[in-house]
Amino acid sequence: MINLENWRKAKKIDLHTVEETDGKLTHIEINNEIPFEVRRIFLIYDIPTTRTVRGNHASKNTEFFIQAIYGTAFLELFDGKNTVIYELNSLVQGVYVPPMTWIKIYGFSKNTIVQVCASLEYKNCKYINSYEVYMNQVNID
């Protein structure tokens, strides 16, 4: 059954940006803006078409922080009952995604780069790649 307390934690997070005469600096502090220790960072890029969908999975045990570092994409989160869609289009914002959330990323503009920070290494992340299995595990009536 889904942990609604975790689901309510999914949110867009504004990152601290310092604007100076020689440019801008945006920083991310672990356990501050990102509410977990980052164990893995990966980039999604060179998306072949705007119809490409990335993700299409959930993780039983991993938290994510997802942001567009260049371009635009849409992040769809689903908890088994509720869907929320975020537009990823800013280097100074990202979205926190708790475990047991179905993730889809789509609508990539040309040359978009999406950065994903994860709370676990790939080998320890328990992915659910089947939507039907996911729906059974969230125990929706």
N, C-alpha and C. Protein backbone atom coordinates (compact mmCIF):
# COMPACT_ATOMS: atom_id res chain seq x y z
N MET A 1 0.84 -1.18 0.00
CA MET A 1 0.00 0.00 0.00
C MET A 1 0.88 1.24 0.00
N ILE A 2 0.47 2.26 -0.71
CA ILE A 2 1.29 3.46 -0.82
C ILE A 2 1.32 4.21 0.51
N ASN A 3 2.46 4.78 0.81
CA ASN A 3 2.63 5.60 1.99
C ASN A 3 2.25 7.03 1.61
N LEU A 4 1.02 7.44 1.93
CA LEU A 4 0.55 8.76 1.54
C LEU A 4 1.38 9.87 2.15
N GLU A 5 1.95 9.62 3.30
CA GLU A 5 2.82 10.62 3.91
C GLU A 5 4.01 10.90 3.01
N ASN A 6 4.59 9.86 2.42
CA ASN A 6 5.70 10.05 1.46
C ASN A 6 5.21 10.77 0.22
N TRP A 7 4.06 10.37 -0.31
CA TRP A 7 3.55 10.97 -1.55
C TRP A 7 3.37 12.47 -1.37
N ARG A 8 2.90 12.88 -0.24
CA ARG A 8 2.68 14.31 0.01
C ARG A 8 3.99 15.09 0.02
N LYS A 9 5.10 14.37 0.13
CA LYS A 9 6.41 15.02 0.13
C LYS A 9 6.89 15.36 -1.27
N ALA A 10 6.27 14.80 -2.30
CA ALA A 10 6.66 15.14 -3.68
C ALA A 10 6.39 16.61 -3.89
N LYS A 11 7.41 17.34 -4.33
CA LYS A 11 7.22 18.78 -4.47
C LYS A 11 8.30 19.39 -5.33
N LYS A 12 7.98 20.55 -5.89
CA LYS A 12 8.96 21.34 -6.62
C LYS A 12 9.76 22.13 -5.59
N ILE A 13 11.07 22.16 -5.79
CA ILE A 13 11.97 22.82 -4.85
C ILE A 13 12.74 23.91 -5.57
N ASP A 14 12.69 25.13 -5.05
CA ASP A 14 13.48 26.24 -5.58
C ASP A 14 14.89 26.14 -5.02
N LEU A 15 15.86 26.27 -5.88
CA LEU A 15 17.26 26.20 -5.48
C LEU A 15 17.80 27.61 -5.25
N HIS A 16 18.71 27.72 -4.31
CA HIS A 16 19.29 29.01 -3.97
C HIS A 16 20.22 29.48 -5.09
N THR A 17 19.99 30.69 -5.55
CA THR A 17 20.80 31.26 -6.63
C THR A 17 21.37 32.59 -6.18
N VAL A 18 22.65 32.76 -6.43
CA VAL A 18 23.33 34.02 -6.15
C VAL A 18 23.60 34.69 -7.50
N GLU A 19 23.16 35.94 -7.63
CA GLU A 19 23.35 36.68 -8.88
C GLU A 19 24.37 37.77 -8.63
N GLU A 20 25.48 37.69 -9.39
CA GLU A 20 26.55 38.67 -9.25
C GLU A 20 26.84 39.28 -10.61
N THR A 21 27.68 40.28 -10.65
CA THR A 21 27.98 40.95 -11.91
C THR A 21 28.69 40.02 -12.90
N ASP A 22 29.36 39.00 -12.40
CA ASP A 22 30.09 38.08 -13.29
C ASP A 22 29.31 36.80 -13.56
N GLY A 23 28.01 36.79 -13.26
CA GLY A 23 27.18 35.63 -13.56
C GLY A 23 26.38 35.15 -12.37
N LYS A 24 25.70 34.05 -12.58
CA LYS A 24 24.86 33.46 -11.54
C LYS A 24 25.46 32.15 -11.07
N LEU A 25 25.19 31.82 -9.82
CA LEU A 25 25.64 30.56 -9.23
C LEU A 25 24.45 29.95 -8.51
N THR A 26 24.05 28.76 -8.91
CA THR A 26 22.98 28.03 -8.23
C THR A 26 23.60 26.84 -7.55
N HIS A 27 23.27 26.65 -6.28
CA HIS A 27 23.86 25.52 -5.57
C HIS A 27 22.79 24.64 -4.94
N ILE A 28 23.17 23.40 -4.73
CA ILE A 28 22.31 22.41 -4.10
C ILE A 28 23.05 21.85 -2.90
N GLU A 29 22.42 21.91 -1.74
CA GLU A 29 23.02 21.33 -0.55
C GLU A 29 22.27 20.06 -0.17
N ILE A 30 23.03 19.00 0.04
CA ILE A 30 22.46 17.72 0.45
C ILE A 30 21.84 17.90 1.84
N ASN A 31 20.69 17.28 2.05
CA ASN A 31 19.91 17.36 3.28
C ASN A 31 19.38 18.76 3.55
N ASN A 32 19.44 19.62 2.56
CA ASN A 32 18.79 20.92 2.65
C ASN A 32 17.80 21.00 1.49
N GLU A 33 18.26 21.40 0.30
CA GLU A 33 17.36 21.40 -0.85
C GLU A 33 17.01 19.97 -1.26
N ILE A 34 18.00 19.09 -1.29
CA ILE A 34 17.74 17.68 -1.57
C ILE A 34 17.64 16.98 -0.22
N PRO A 35 16.47 16.42 0.11
CA PRO A 35 16.25 15.90 1.47
C PRO A 35 16.79 14.48 1.69
N PHE A 36 17.87 14.12 1.00
CA PHE A 36 18.48 12.81 1.20
C PHE A 36 19.94 12.88 0.78
N GLU A 37 20.72 11.90 1.20
CA GLU A 37 22.11 11.81 0.78
C GLU A 37 22.16 11.26 -0.64
N VAL A 38 22.80 11.98 -1.53
CA VAL A 38 22.90 11.56 -2.93
C VAL A 38 23.96 10.47 -3.06
N ARG A 39 23.55 9.34 -3.65
CA ARG A 39 24.46 8.22 -3.87
C ARG A 39 24.74 7.99 -5.35
N ARG A 40 23.94 8.65 -6.22
CA ARG A 40 24.11 8.46 -7.66
C ARG A 40 23.55 9.68 -8.38
N ILE A 41 24.23 10.10 -9.44
CA ILE A 41 23.76 11.19 -10.30
C ILE A 41 23.87 10.69 -11.73
N PHE A 42 22.79 10.89 -12.50
CA PHE A 42 22.87 10.54 -13.91
C PHE A 42 22.15 11.60 -14.74
N LEU A 43 22.53 11.65 -16.02
CA LEU A 43 21.97 12.62 -16.96
C LEU A 43 21.20 11.90 -18.05
N ILE A 44 20.09 12.49 -18.45
CA ILE A 44 19.29 12.00 -19.57
C ILE A 44 19.41 13.06 -20.66
N TYR A 45 19.89 12.68 -21.84
CA TYR A 45 20.11 13.64 -22.92
C TYR A 45 20.14 12.94 -24.27
N ASP A 46 20.30 13.71 -25.34
CA ASP A 46 20.27 13.19 -26.71
C ASP A 46 18.99 12.38 -26.96
N ILE A 47 17.87 12.92 -26.53
CA ILE A 47 16.57 12.27 -26.70
C ILE A 47 16.22 12.32 -28.19
N PRO A 48 15.89 11.17 -28.80
CA PRO A 48 15.71 11.13 -30.25
C PRO A 48 14.50 11.90 -30.80
N THR A 49 13.36 11.91 -30.08
CA THR A 49 12.17 12.62 -30.57
C THR A 49 11.42 13.23 -29.40
N THR A 50 10.53 14.15 -29.70
CA THR A 50 9.70 14.76 -28.65
C THR A 50 8.68 13.76 -28.10
N ARG A 51 8.46 12.66 -28.80
CA ARG A 51 7.52 11.63 -28.33
C ARG A 51 8.17 10.59 -27.44
N THR A 52 9.47 10.67 -27.26
CA THR A 52 10.19 9.71 -26.41
C THR A 52 9.74 9.87 -24.96
N VAL A 53 9.51 8.74 -24.30
CA VAL A 53 9.16 8.73 -22.88
C VAL A 53 10.27 8.01 -22.12
N ARG A 54 10.79 8.66 -21.11
CA ARG A 54 11.81 8.06 -20.26
C ARG A 54 11.18 7.75 -18.90
N GLY A 55 11.85 6.93 -18.14
CA GLY A 55 11.30 6.52 -16.86
C GLY A 55 10.35 5.36 -17.08
N ASN A 56 9.06 5.63 -16.92
CA ASN A 56 8.04 4.58 -16.99
C ASN A 56 8.34 3.49 -15.98
N HIS A 57 8.63 3.91 -14.76
CA HIS A 57 8.94 2.98 -13.69
C HIS A 57 8.73 3.67 -12.34
N ALA A 58 8.83 2.86 -11.30
CA ALA A 58 8.84 3.36 -9.92
C ALA A 58 10.00 2.66 -9.23
N SER A 59 10.33 3.12 -8.05
CA SER A 59 11.33 2.43 -7.24
C SER A 59 10.74 2.22 -5.85
N LYS A 60 10.91 1.01 -5.36
CA LYS A 60 10.39 0.69 -4.02
C LYS A 60 11.16 1.43 -2.92
N ASN A 61 12.43 1.72 -3.16
CA ASN A 61 13.28 2.15 -2.05
C ASN A 61 14.16 3.36 -2.34
N THR A 62 13.93 4.04 -3.46
CA THR A 62 14.84 5.12 -3.83
C THR A 62 14.10 6.45 -3.96
N GLU A 63 14.72 7.50 -3.44
CA GLU A 63 14.24 8.86 -3.59
C GLU A 63 15.00 9.49 -4.76
N PHE A 64 14.34 10.43 -5.45
CA PHE A 64 14.97 11.10 -6.58
C PHE A 64 14.78 12.61 -6.47
N PHE A 65 15.73 13.35 -7.04
CA PHE A 65 15.60 14.78 -7.25
C PHE A 65 15.86 14.99 -8.73
N ILE A 66 14.87 15.52 -9.45
CA ILE A 66 14.93 15.61 -10.91
C ILE A 66 14.83 17.06 -11.34
N GLN A 67 15.75 17.48 -12.23
CA GLN A 67 15.72 18.85 -12.73
C GLN A 67 16.22 18.90 -14.16
N ALA A 68 15.71 19.86 -14.91
CA ALA A 68 16.23 20.13 -16.25
C ALA A 68 17.39 21.11 -16.08
N ILE A 69 18.55 20.71 -16.54
CA ILE A 69 19.67 21.64 -16.48
C ILE A 69 19.84 22.38 -17.80
N TYR A 70 19.09 21.92 -18.81
CA TYR A 70 19.01 22.64 -20.08
C TYR A 70 17.75 22.18 -20.79
N GLY A 71 17.00 23.12 -21.36
CA GLY A 71 15.81 22.77 -22.12
C GLY A 71 14.59 22.55 -21.24
N THR A 72 13.61 21.84 -21.80
CA THR A 72 12.33 21.63 -21.15
C THR A 72 11.88 20.18 -21.32
N ALA A 73 11.25 19.66 -20.29
CA ALA A 73 10.60 18.35 -20.34
C ALA A 73 9.47 18.37 -19.32
N PHE A 74 8.59 17.37 -19.40
CA PHE A 74 7.50 17.24 -18.44
C PHE A 74 7.73 16.00 -17.59
N LEU A 75 7.51 16.15 -16.29
CA LEU A 75 7.66 15.07 -15.33
C LEU A 75 6.27 14.74 -14.79
N GLU A 76 5.82 13.52 -15.03
CA GLU A 76 4.52 13.07 -14.55
C GLU A 76 4.74 12.08 -13.41
N LEU A 77 4.14 12.37 -12.26
CA LEU A 77 4.23 11.51 -11.09
C LEU A 77 2.85 10.95 -10.78
N PHE A 78 2.79 9.67 -10.43
CA PHE A 78 1.52 8.99 -10.16
C PHE A 78 1.68 8.12 -8.93
N ASP A 79 0.74 8.20 -8.00
CA ASP A 79 0.81 7.42 -6.77
C ASP A 79 -0.16 6.25 -6.75
N GLY A 80 -0.77 5.93 -7.86
CA GLY A 80 -1.77 4.88 -7.93
C GLY A 80 -3.17 5.44 -8.01
N LYS A 81 -3.35 6.68 -7.55
CA LYS A 81 -4.65 7.36 -7.62
C LYS A 81 -4.53 8.76 -8.18
N ASN A 82 -3.50 9.46 -7.78
CA ASN A 82 -3.35 10.88 -8.13
C ASN A 82 -2.17 11.08 -9.07
N THR A 83 -2.36 12.00 -10.01
CA THR A 83 -1.31 12.36 -10.95
C THR A 83 -1.00 13.84 -10.80
N VAL A 84 0.28 14.18 -10.83
CA VAL A 84 0.70 15.57 -10.86
C VAL A 84 1.76 15.68 -11.95
N ILE A 85 1.71 16.78 -12.71
CA ILE A 85 2.65 16.99 -13.80
C ILE A 85 3.41 18.28 -13.53
N TYR A 86 4.73 18.18 -13.61
CA TYR A 86 5.60 19.34 -13.44
C TYR A 86 6.28 19.64 -14.77
N GLU A 87 6.41 20.90 -15.10
CA GLU A 87 7.22 21.28 -16.24
C GLU A 87 8.63 21.54 -15.72
N LEU A 88 9.57 20.78 -16.22
CA LEU A 88 10.97 20.97 -15.86
C LEU A 88 11.55 21.94 -16.88
N ASN A 89 11.82 23.15 -16.47
CA ASN A 89 12.29 24.15 -17.42
C ASN A 89 13.21 25.17 -16.79
N SER A 90 13.75 24.86 -15.64
CA SER A 90 14.56 25.84 -14.94
C SER A 90 15.72 25.16 -14.22
N LEU A 91 16.88 25.73 -14.40
CA LEU A 91 18.06 25.25 -13.70
C LEU A 91 17.96 25.51 -12.20
N VAL A 92 17.10 26.42 -11.79
CA VAL A 92 17.03 26.81 -10.39
C VAL A 92 15.86 26.15 -9.65
N GLN A 93 15.27 25.10 -10.26
CA GLN A 93 14.21 24.34 -9.60
C GLN A 93 14.38 22.86 -9.92
N GLY A 94 13.90 22.06 -9.03
CA GLY A 94 13.88 20.62 -9.27
C GLY A 94 12.69 20.04 -8.53
N VAL A 95 12.46 18.75 -8.73
CA VAL A 95 11.32 18.09 -8.10
C VAL A 95 11.82 16.91 -7.27
N TYR A 96 11.40 16.88 -6.02
CA TYR A 96 11.68 15.75 -5.14
C TYR A 96 10.63 14.68 -5.40
N VAL A 97 11.09 13.43 -5.59
CA VAL A 97 10.19 12.30 -5.85
C VAL A 97 10.44 11.21 -4.80
N PRO A 98 9.44 10.90 -3.97
CA PRO A 98 9.61 9.86 -2.96
C PRO A 98 9.52 8.46 -3.56
N PRO A 99 9.91 7.44 -2.80
CA PRO A 99 9.78 6.05 -3.27
C PRO A 99 8.32 5.71 -3.60
N MET A 100 8.14 4.66 -4.40
CA MET A 100 6.82 4.13 -4.79
C MET A 100 5.98 5.16 -5.54
N THR A 101 6.66 5.96 -6.35
CA THR A 101 5.99 6.92 -7.22
C THR A 101 6.30 6.52 -8.66
N TRP A 102 5.26 6.35 -9.49
CA TRP A 102 5.46 6.03 -10.90
C TRP A 102 5.93 7.29 -11.61
N ILE A 103 7.04 7.20 -12.34
CA ILE A 103 7.69 8.35 -12.96
C ILE A 103 7.68 8.22 -14.47
N LYS A 104 7.23 9.27 -15.15
CA LYS A 104 7.34 9.38 -16.61
C LYS A 104 7.90 10.75 -16.93
N ILE A 105 8.88 10.78 -17.83
CA ILE A 105 9.43 12.05 -18.31
C ILE A 105 9.24 12.07 -19.82
N TYR A 106 8.66 13.14 -20.33
CA TYR A 106 8.32 13.19 -21.75
C TYR A 106 8.29 14.65 -22.23
N GLY A 107 8.02 14.83 -23.52
CA GLY A 107 7.90 16.18 -24.09
C GLY A 107 9.21 16.93 -24.08
N PHE A 108 10.30 16.23 -24.32
CA PHE A 108 11.62 16.84 -24.29
C PHE A 108 11.78 17.83 -25.45
N SER A 109 12.21 19.04 -25.16
CA SER A 109 12.58 19.97 -26.22
C SER A 109 13.96 19.58 -26.75
N LYS A 110 14.33 20.16 -27.87
CA LYS A 110 15.61 19.82 -28.49
C LYS A 110 16.77 20.13 -27.54
N ASN A 111 17.69 19.20 -27.45
CA ASN A 111 18.92 19.34 -26.66
C ASN A 111 18.69 19.41 -25.14
N THR A 112 17.54 18.96 -24.67
CA THR A 112 17.27 18.98 -23.24
C THR A 112 18.23 18.04 -22.51
N ILE A 113 18.65 18.48 -21.34
CA ILE A 113 19.45 17.65 -20.44
C ILE A 113 18.73 17.64 -19.10
N VAL A 114 18.39 16.44 -18.64
CA VAL A 114 17.74 16.26 -17.34
C VAL A 114 18.74 15.58 -16.41
N GLN A 115 18.91 16.15 -15.24
CA GLN A 115 19.78 15.57 -14.22
C GLN A 115 18.93 14.90 -13.16
N VAL A 116 19.33 13.70 -12.76
CA VAL A 116 18.62 12.97 -11.72
C VAL A 116 19.61 12.60 -10.62
N CYS A 117 19.28 12.98 -9.40
CA CYS A 117 20.05 12.58 -8.23
C CYS A 117 19.24 11.51 -7.52
N ALA A 118 19.90 10.43 -7.12
CA ALA A 118 19.21 9.30 -6.49
C ALA A 118 19.82 8.99 -5.12
N SER A 119 18.97 8.48 -4.24
CA SER A 119 19.42 8.17 -2.88
C SER A 119 20.16 6.84 -2.78
N LEU A 120 20.09 6.02 -3.84
CA LEU A 120 20.78 4.72 -3.82
C LEU A 120 21.54 4.49 -5.12
N GLU A 121 22.57 3.67 -5.03
CA GLU A 121 23.28 3.24 -6.22
C GLU A 121 22.35 2.38 -7.07
N TYR A 122 22.62 2.28 -8.36
CA TYR A 122 21.77 1.54 -9.28
C TYR A 122 21.58 0.09 -8.82
N LYS A 123 22.64 -0.56 -8.40
CA LYS A 123 22.55 -1.98 -8.02
C LYS A 123 21.65 -2.20 -6.81
N ASN A 124 21.43 -1.18 -5.99
CA ASN A 124 20.59 -1.32 -4.80
C ASN A 124 19.17 -0.79 -4.99
N CYS A 125 18.94 -0.15 -6.11
CA CYS A 125 17.63 0.42 -6.39
C CYS A 125 16.68 -0.68 -6.85
N LYS A 126 15.55 -0.81 -6.19
CA LYS A 126 14.57 -1.84 -6.53
C LYS A 126 13.49 -1.23 -7.43
N TYR A 127 13.77 -1.28 -8.75
CA TYR A 127 12.85 -0.71 -9.73
C TYR A 127 11.66 -1.63 -9.97
N ILE A 128 10.52 -1.02 -10.24
CA ILE A 128 9.33 -1.72 -10.72
C ILE A 128 9.11 -1.19 -12.13
N ASN A 129 9.33 -2.05 -13.12
CA ASN A 129 9.24 -1.63 -14.52
C ASN A 129 7.90 -1.97 -15.16
N SER A 130 7.06 -2.71 -14.46
CA SER A 130 5.75 -3.09 -14.99
C SER A 130 4.68 -2.27 -14.29
N TYR A 131 3.88 -1.56 -15.09
CA TYR A 131 2.80 -0.75 -14.53
C TYR A 131 1.80 -1.63 -13.77
N GLU A 132 1.51 -2.81 -14.31
CA GLU A 132 0.56 -3.72 -13.65
C GLU A 132 1.09 -4.17 -12.29
N VAL A 133 2.36 -4.52 -12.22
CA VAL A 133 2.97 -4.91 -10.94
C VAL A 133 2.92 -3.74 -9.97
N TYR A 134 3.24 -2.55 -10.46
CA TYR A 134 3.19 -1.35 -9.62
C TYR A 134 1.78 -1.16 -9.04
N MET A 135 0.77 -1.24 -9.89
CA MET A 135 -0.60 -1.04 -9.43
C MET A 135 -0.99 -2.08 -8.39
N ASN A 136 -0.55 -3.32 -8.55
CA ASN A 136 -0.81 -4.35 -7.55
C ASN A 136 -0.12 -4.03 -6.23
N GLN A 137 1.07 -3.48 -6.31
CA GLN A 137 1.83 -3.21 -5.09
C GLN A 137 1.35 -1.98 -4.33
N VAL A 138 0.73 -1.02 -5.02
CA VAL A 138 0.19 0.13 -4.30
C VAL A 138 -1.21 -0.18 -3.76
N ASN A 139 -1.74 -1.37 -4.11
CA ASN A 139 -2.97 -1.87 -3.51
C ASN A 139 -4.13 -0.90 -3.64
N ILE A 140 -4.37 -0.47 -4.88
CA ILE A 140 -5.46 0.47 -5.15
C ILE A 140 -6.78 -0.30 -5.25
N ASP A 141 -7.82 0.24 -4.63
CA ASP A 141 -9.14 -0.39 -4.69
C ASP A 141 -9.80 -0.18 -6.04
